[in-house]
PDB file of N, CA and C in Angstrom:
ATOM      1  N   MET A   1     137.548 -27.580  10.335  1.00  0.00           N
ATOM      2  CA  MET A   1     136.293 -27.131  10.878  1.00  0.00           C
ATOM      3  C   MET A   1     135.184 -28.052  10.394  1.00  0.00           C
ATOM      4  N   LEU A   2     134.332 -28.438  11.293  1.00  0.00           N
ATOM      5  CA  LEU A   2     133.200 -29.309  10.979  1.00  0.00           C
ATOM      6  C   LEU A   2     131.956 -28.462  10.805  1.00  0.00           C
ATOM      7  N   VAL A   3     131.264 -28.657   9.713  1.00  0.00           N
ATOM      8  CA  VAL A   3     129.976 -28.005   9.487  1.00  0.00           C
ATOM      9  C   VAL A   3     128.952 -29.109   9.338  1.00  0.00           C
ATOM     10  N   LEU A   4     127.961 -29.101  10.206  1.00  0.00           N
ATOM     11  CA  LEU A   4     126.924 -30.117  10.145  1.00  0.00           C
ATOM     12  C   LEU A   4     125.901 -29.747   9.083  1.00  0.00           C
ATOM     13  N   ASN A   5     125.523 -30.725   8.278  1.00  0.00           N
ATOM     14  CA  ASN A   5     124.442 -30.475   7.321  1.00  0.00           C
ATOM     15  C   ASN A   5     123.104 -30.595   8.061  1.00  0.00           C
ATOM     16  N   ASP A   6     122.015 -30.307   7.361  1.00  0.00           N
ATOM     17  CA  ASP A   6     120.702 -30.319   8.020  1.00  0.00           C
ATOM     18  C   ASP A   6     120.361 -31.674   8.625  1.00  0.00           C
ATOM     19  N   ALA A   7     120.653 -32.752   7.914  1.00  0.00           N
ATOM     20  CA  ALA A   7     120.340 -34.095   8.416  1.00  0.00           C
ATOM     21  C   ALA A   7     121.140 -34.394   9.687  1.00  0.00           C
ATOM     22  N   GLN A   8     122.417 -34.036   9.681  1.00  0.00           N
ATOM     23  CA  GLN A   8     123.241 -34.260  10.868  1.00  0.00           C
ATOM     24  C   GLN A   8     122.761 -33.410  12.036  1.00  0.00           C
ATOM     25  N   ALA A   9     122.415 -32.154  11.759  1.00  0.00           N
ATOM     26  CA  ALA A   9     121.926 -31.264  12.818  1.00  0.00           C
ATOM     27  C   ALA A   9     120.643 -31.814  13.433  1.00  0.00           C
ATOM     28  N   LEU A  10     119.770 -32.393  12.621  1.00  0.00           N
ATOM     29  CA  LEU A  10     118.535 -32.977  13.148  1.00  0.00           C
ATOM     30  C   LEU A  10     118.814 -34.190  14.026  1.00  0.00           C
ATOM     31  N   VAL A  11     119.808 -34.996  13.652  1.00  0.00           N
ATOM     32  CA  VAL A  11     120.188 -36.149  14.478  1.00  0.00           C
ATOM     33  C   VAL A  11     120.704 -35.666  15.826  1.00  0.00           C
ATOM     34  N   VAL A  12     121.561 -34.641  15.806  1.00  0.00           N
ATOM     35  CA  VAL A  12     122.104 -34.094  17.055  1.00  0.00           C
ATOM     36  C   VAL A  12     120.976 -33.512  17.898  1.00  0.00           C
ATOM     37  N   GLN A  13     120.053 -32.782  17.279  1.00  0.00           N
ATOM     38  CA  GLN A  13     118.908 -32.224  18.003  1.00  0.00           C
ATOM     39  C   GLN A  13     118.106 -33.336  18.671  1.00  0.00           C
ATOM     40  N   ASP A  14     117.793 -34.374  17.924  1.00  0.00           N
ATOM     41  CA  ASP A  14     117.012 -35.491  18.454  1.00  0.00           C
ATOM     42  C   ASP A  14     117.734 -36.152  19.632  1.00  0.00           C
ATOM     43  N   LEU A  15     119.031 -36.369  19.486  1.00  0.00           N
ATOM     44  CA  LEU A  15     119.799 -36.996  20.566  1.00  0.00           C
ATOM     45  C   LEU A  15     119.822 -36.127  21.814  1.00  0.00           C
ATOM     46  N   LEU A  16     120.039 -34.827  21.646  1.00  0.00           N
ATOM     47  CA  LEU A  16     120.100 -33.935  22.805  1.00  0.00           C
ATOM     48  C   LEU A  16     118.771 -33.907  23.550  1.00  0.00           C
ATOM     49  N   ILE A  17     117.678 -33.840  22.819  1.00  0.00           N
ATOM     50  CA  ILE A  17     116.368 -33.824  23.466  1.00  0.00           C
ATOM     51  C   ILE A  17     116.140 -35.133  24.220  1.00  0.00           C
ATOM     52  N   LYS A  18     116.447 -36.255  23.579  1.00  0.00           N
ATOM     53  CA  LYS A  18     116.249 -37.545  24.238  1.00  0.00           C
ATOM     54  C   LYS A  18     117.126 -37.683  25.479  1.00  0.00           C
ATOM     55  N   MET A  19     118.345 -37.187  25.420  1.00  0.00           N
ATOM     56  CA  MET A  19     119.229 -37.246  26.589  1.00  0.00           C
ATOM     57  C   MET A  19     118.691 -36.370  27.721  1.00  0.00           C
ATOM     58  N   LEU A  20     118.198 -35.191  27.371  1.00  0.00           N
ATOM     59  CA  LEU A  20     117.690 -34.272  28.391  1.00  0.00           C
ATOM     60  C   LEU A  20     116.453 -34.802  29.096  1.00  0.00           C
ATOM     61  N   ILE A  21     115.624 -35.540  28.381  1.00  0.00           N
ATOM     62  CA  ILE A  21     114.389 -36.042  29.002  1.00  0.00           C
ATOM     63  C   ILE A  21     114.509 -37.514  29.414  1.00  0.00           C
ATOM     64  N   ASN A  22     115.727 -38.036  29.359  1.00  0.00           N
ATOM     65  CA  ASN A  22     115.992 -39.427  29.738  1.00  0.00           C
ATOM     66  C   ASN A  22     115.168 -40.421  28.930  1.00  0.00           C
ATOM     67  N   ASP A  23     115.030 -40.154  27.639  1.00  0.00           N
ATOM     68  CA  ASP A  23     114.321 -41.036  26.728  1.00  0.00           C
ATOM     69  C   ASP A  23     115.347 -41.965  26.068  1.00  0.00           C
ATOM     70  N   ALA A  24     114.884 -43.087  25.582  1.00  0.00           N
ATOM     71  CA  ALA A  24     115.783 -44.035  24.911  1.00  0.00           C
ATOM     72  C   ALA A  24     116.253 -43.458  23.574  1.00  0.00           C
ATOM     73  N   TYR A  25     117.519 -43.723  23.269  1.00  0.00           N
ATOM     74  CA  TYR A  25     118.070 -43.283  21.987  1.00  0.00           C
ATOM     75  C   TYR A  25     119.010 -44.358  21.472  1.00  0.00           C
ATOM     76  N   SER A  26     119.300 -44.274  20.181  1.00  0.00           N
ATOM     77  CA  SER A  26     120.126 -45.275  19.520  1.00  0.00           C
ATOM     78  C   SER A  26     121.611 -45.030  19.793  1.00  0.00           C
ATOM     79  N   VAL A  27     122.287 -46.046  20.262  1.00  0.00           N
ATOM     80  CA  VAL A  27     123.725 -45.945  20.496  1.00  0.00           C
ATOM     81  C   VAL A  27     124.454 -45.717  19.167  1.00  0.00           C
ATOM     82  N   ALA A  28     123.941 -46.303  18.099  1.00  0.00           N
ATOM     83  CA  ALA A  28     124.558 -46.114  16.780  1.00  0.00           C
ATOM     84  C   ALA A  28     124.494 -44.644  16.362  1.00  0.00           C
ATOM     85  N   GLN A  29     123.362 -43.975  16.611  1.00  0.00           N
ATOM     86  CA  GLN A  29     123.251 -42.550  16.290  1.00  0.00           C
ATOM     87  C   GLN A  29     124.223 -41.733  17.132  1.00  0.00           C
ATOM     88  N   LEU A  30     124.349 -42.079  18.389  1.00  0.00           N
ATOM     89  CA  LEU A  30     125.265 -41.381  19.278  1.00  0.00           C
ATOM     90  C   LEU A  30     126.700 -41.549  18.809  1.00  0.00           C
ATOM     91  N   GLU A  31     127.073 -42.765  18.455  1.00  0.00           N
ATOM     92  CA  GLU A  31     128.427 -43.016  17.959  1.00  0.00           C
ATOM     93  C   GLU A  31     128.699 -42.242  16.672  1.00  0.00           C
ATOM     94  N   GLU A  32     127.698 -42.191  15.801  1.00  0.00           N
ATOM     95  CA  GLU A  32     127.854 -41.457  14.548  1.00  0.00           C
ATOM     96  C   GLU A  32     128.043 -39.960  14.815  1.00  0.00           C
ATOM     97  N   ALA A  33     127.241 -39.406  15.714  1.00  0.00           N
ATOM     98  CA  ALA A  33     127.358 -37.992  16.054  1.00  0.00           C
ATOM     99  C   ALA A  33     128.709 -37.683  16.687  1.00  0.00           C
ATOM    100  N   ILE A  34     129.164 -38.550  17.569  1.00  0.00           N
ATOM    101  CA  ILE A  34     130.478 -38.359  18.193  1.00  0.00           C
ATOM    102  C   ILE A  34     131.574 -38.366  17.140  1.00  0.00           C
ATOM    103  N   ALA A  35     131.453 -39.236  16.164  1.00  0.00           N
ATOM    104  CA  ALA A  35     132.449 -39.297  15.087  1.00  0.00           C
ATOM    105  C   ALA A  35     132.493 -37.983  14.309  1.00  0.00           C
ATOM    106  N   TRP A  36     131.331 -37.351  14.077  1.00  0.00           N
ATOM    107  CA  TRP A  36     131.316 -36.060  13.372  1.00  0.00           C
ATOM    108  C   TRP A  36     132.103 -35.024  14.158  1.00  0.00           C
ATOM    109  N   PHE A  37     131.929 -35.009  15.492  1.00  0.00           N
ATOM    110  CA  PHE A  37     132.576 -34.004  16.318  1.00  0.00           C
ATOM    111  C   PHE A  37     134.075 -34.256  16.489  1.00  0.00           C
ATOM    112  N   GLN A  38     134.515 -35.473  16.264  1.00  0.00           N
ATOM    113  CA  GLN A  38     135.933 -35.798  16.405  1.00  0.00           C
ATOM    114  C   GLN A  38     136.734 -35.525  15.136  1.00  0.00           C
ATOM    115  N   GLN A  39     136.076 -35.141  14.059  1.00  0.00           N
ATOM    116  CA  GLN A  39     136.759 -34.914  12.792  1.00  0.00           C
ATOM    117  C   GLN A  39     137.595 -33.643  12.782  1.00  0.00           C
ATOM    118  N   GLY A  40     137.288 -32.685  13.588  1.00  0.00           N
ATOM    119  CA  GLY A  40     138.019 -31.422  13.574  1.00  0.00           C
ATOM    120  C   GLY A  40     138.108 -30.829  14.953  1.00  0.00           C
ATOM    121  N   ASP A  41     138.956 -29.821  15.072  1.00  0.00           N
ATOM    122  CA  ASP A  41     139.122 -29.210  16.385  1.00  0.00           C
ATOM    123  C   ASP A  41     138.188 -28.025  16.593  1.00  0.00           C
ATOM    124  N   ARG A  42     137.517 -27.568  15.533  1.00  0.00           N
ATOM    125  CA  ARG A  42     136.547 -26.483  15.642  1.00  0.00           C
ATOM    126  C   ARG A  42     135.240 -26.926  15.001  1.00  0.00           C
ATOM    127  N   ILE A  43     134.154 -26.506  15.600  1.00  0.00           N
ATOM    128  CA  ILE A  43     132.842 -26.939  15.114  1.00  0.00           C
ATOM    129  C   ILE A  43     132.001 -25.717  14.771  1.00  0.00           C
ATOM    130  N   SER A  44     131.402 -25.751  13.625  1.00  0.00           N
ATOM    131  CA  SER A  44     130.470 -24.715  13.216  1.00  0.00           C
ATOM    132  C   SER A  44     129.197 -25.416  12.763  1.00  0.00           C
ATOM    133  N   CYS A  45     128.131 -25.187  13.467  1.00  0.00           N
ATOM    134  CA  CYS A  45     126.866 -25.809  13.116  1.00  0.00           C
ATOM    135  C   CYS A  45     125.923 -24.728  12.607  1.00  0.00           C
ATOM    136  N   PRO A  46     125.354 -24.914  11.424  1.00  0.00           N
ATOM    137  CA  PRO A  46     124.539 -23.856  10.820  1.00  0.00           C
ATOM    138  C   PRO A  46     123.140 -23.727  11.407  1.00  0.00           C
ATOM    139  N   PHE A  47     123.062 -23.624  12.738  1.00  0.00           N
ATOM    140  CA  PHE A  47     121.767 -23.405  13.366  1.00  0.00           C
ATOM    141  C   PHE A  47     121.397 -21.942  13.182  1.00  0.00           C
ATOM    142  N   GLU A  48     120.235 -21.692  12.622  1.00  0.00           N
ATOM    143  CA  GLU A  48     119.748 -20.327  12.529  1.00  0.00           C
ATOM    144  C   GLU A  48     119.102 -19.972  13.858  1.00  0.00           C
ATOM    145  N   GLN A  49     118.976 -18.689  14.123  1.00  0.00           N
ATOM    146  CA  GLN A  49     118.415 -18.246  15.397  1.00  0.00           C
ATOM    147  C   GLN A  49     117.022 -18.809  15.618  1.00  0.00           C
ATOM    148  N   ILE A  50     116.188 -18.806  14.595  1.00  0.00           N
ATOM    149  CA  ILE A  50     114.816 -19.322  14.736  1.00  0.00           C
ATOM    150  C   ILE A  50     114.838 -20.813  15.019  1.00  0.00           C
ATOM    151  N   TRP A  51     115.725 -21.552  14.330  1.00  0.00           N
ATOM    152  CA  TRP A  51     115.829 -22.994  14.525  1.00  0.00           C
ATOM    153  C   TRP A  51     116.259 -23.288  15.954  1.00  0.00           C
ATOM    154  N   SER A  52     117.218 -22.520  16.472  1.00  0.00           N
ATOM    155  CA  SER A  52     117.690 -22.703  17.840  1.00  0.00           C
ATOM    156  C   SER A  52     116.578 -22.408  18.840  1.00  0.00           C
ATOM    157  N   LYS A  53     115.792 -21.368  18.560  1.00  0.00           N
ATOM    158  CA  LYS A  53     114.681 -21.027  19.450  1.00  0.00           C
ATOM    159  C   LYS A  53     113.658 -22.155  19.466  1.00  0.00           C
ATOM    160  N   THR A  54     113.384 -22.730  18.300  1.00  0.00           N
ATOM    161  CA  THR A  54     112.445 -23.848  18.207  1.00  0.00           C
ATOM    162  C   THR A  54     112.951 -25.035  19.011  1.00  0.00           C
ATOM    163  N   LEU A  55     114.243 -25.320  18.908  1.00  0.00           N
ATOM    164  CA  LEU A  55     114.837 -26.411  19.683  1.00  0.00           C
ATOM    165  C   LEU A  55     114.662 -26.164  21.174  1.00  0.00           C
ATOM    166  N   ALA A  56     114.943 -24.954  21.617  1.00  0.00           N
ATOM    167  CA  ALA A  56     114.803 -24.623  23.034  1.00  0.00           C
ATOM    168  C   ALA A  56     113.350 -24.791  23.491  1.00  0.00           C
ATOM    169  N   GLN A  57     112.404 -24.368  22.671  1.00  0.00           N
ATOM    170  CA  GLN A  57     110.990 -24.509  23.019  1.00  0.00           C
ATOM    171  C   GLN A  57     110.586 -25.983  23.112  1.00  0.00           C
ATOM    172  N   GLN A  58     111.093 -26.803  22.207  1.00  0.00           N
ATOM    173  CA  GLN A  58     110.785 -28.235  22.244  1.00  0.00           C
ATOM    174  C   GLN A  58     111.341 -28.877  23.503  1.00  0.00           C
ATOM    175  N   ILE A  59     112.545 -28.487  23.889  1.00  0.00           N
ATOM    176  CA  ILE A  59     113.157 -29.041  25.100  1.00  0.00           C
ATOM    177  C   ILE A  59     112.325 -28.672  26.320  1.00  0.00           C
ATOM    178  N   VAL A  60     111.923 -27.414  26.407  1.00  0.00           N
ATOM    179  CA  VAL A  60     111.105 -26.968  27.548  1.00  0.00           C
ATOM    180  C   VAL A  60     109.782 -27.716  27.586  1.00  0.00           C
ATOM    181  N   GLN A  61     109.148 -27.894  26.434  1.00  0.00           N
ATOM    182  CA  GLN A  61     107.871 -28.626  26.386  1.00  0.00           C
ATOM    183  C   GLN A  61     108.058 -30.057  26.871  1.00  0.00           C
ATOM    184  N   GLU A  62     109.120 -30.709  26.423  1.00  0.00           N
ATOM    185  CA  GLU A  62     109.369 -32.096  26.829  1.00  0.00           C
ATOM    186  C   GLU A  62     109.662 -32.182  28.320  1.00  0.00           C
ATOM    187  N   LEU A  63     110.432 -31.249  28.839  1.00  0.00           N
ATOM    188  CA  LEU A  63     110.759 -31.258  30.268  1.00  0.00           C
ATOM    189  C   LEU A  63     109.503 -31.031  31.110  1.00  0.00           C
ATOM    190  N   ARG A  64     108.588 -30.218  30.649  1.00  0.00           N
ATOM    191  CA  ARG A  64     107.336 -29.963  31.381  1.00  0.00           C
ATOM    192  C   ARG A  64     106.438 -31.182  31.410  1.00  0.00           C
ATOM    193  N   ARG A  65     106.558 -32.047  30.416  1.00  0.00           N
ATOM    194  CA  ARG A  65     105.741 -33.269  30.354  1.00  0.00           C
ATOM    195  C   ARG A  65     106.210 -34.331  31.344  1.00  0.00           C
ATOM    196  N   GLN A  66     107.438 -34.212  31.818  1.00  0.00           N
ATOM    197  CA  GLN A  66     107.983 -35.212  32.725  1.00  0.00           C
ATOM    198  C   GLN A  66     107.300 -35.129  34.085  1.00  0.00           C
ATOM    199  N   PRO A  67     107.060 -36.297  34.711  1.00  0.00           N
ATOM    200  CA  PRO A  67     106.389 -36.307  36.022  1.00  0.00           C
ATOM    201  C   PRO A  67     107.247 -35.708  37.115  1.00  0.00           C
TER     202      PRO A  67
END
């Protein structure tokens, strides 16, 4: 089972937001994140409910800014 630490979770959050809004992102960060997910067959990410809500709000804000 893979458990992402806070730093890894922030990298994944940043990548997901950039992918959703078609912003440029680092291929090295993407490769690193993919490597974390390939380490195990089950994934547990310690996102708290409030943290997840904040992520969702940030995504919506970014999507609204798009032309």
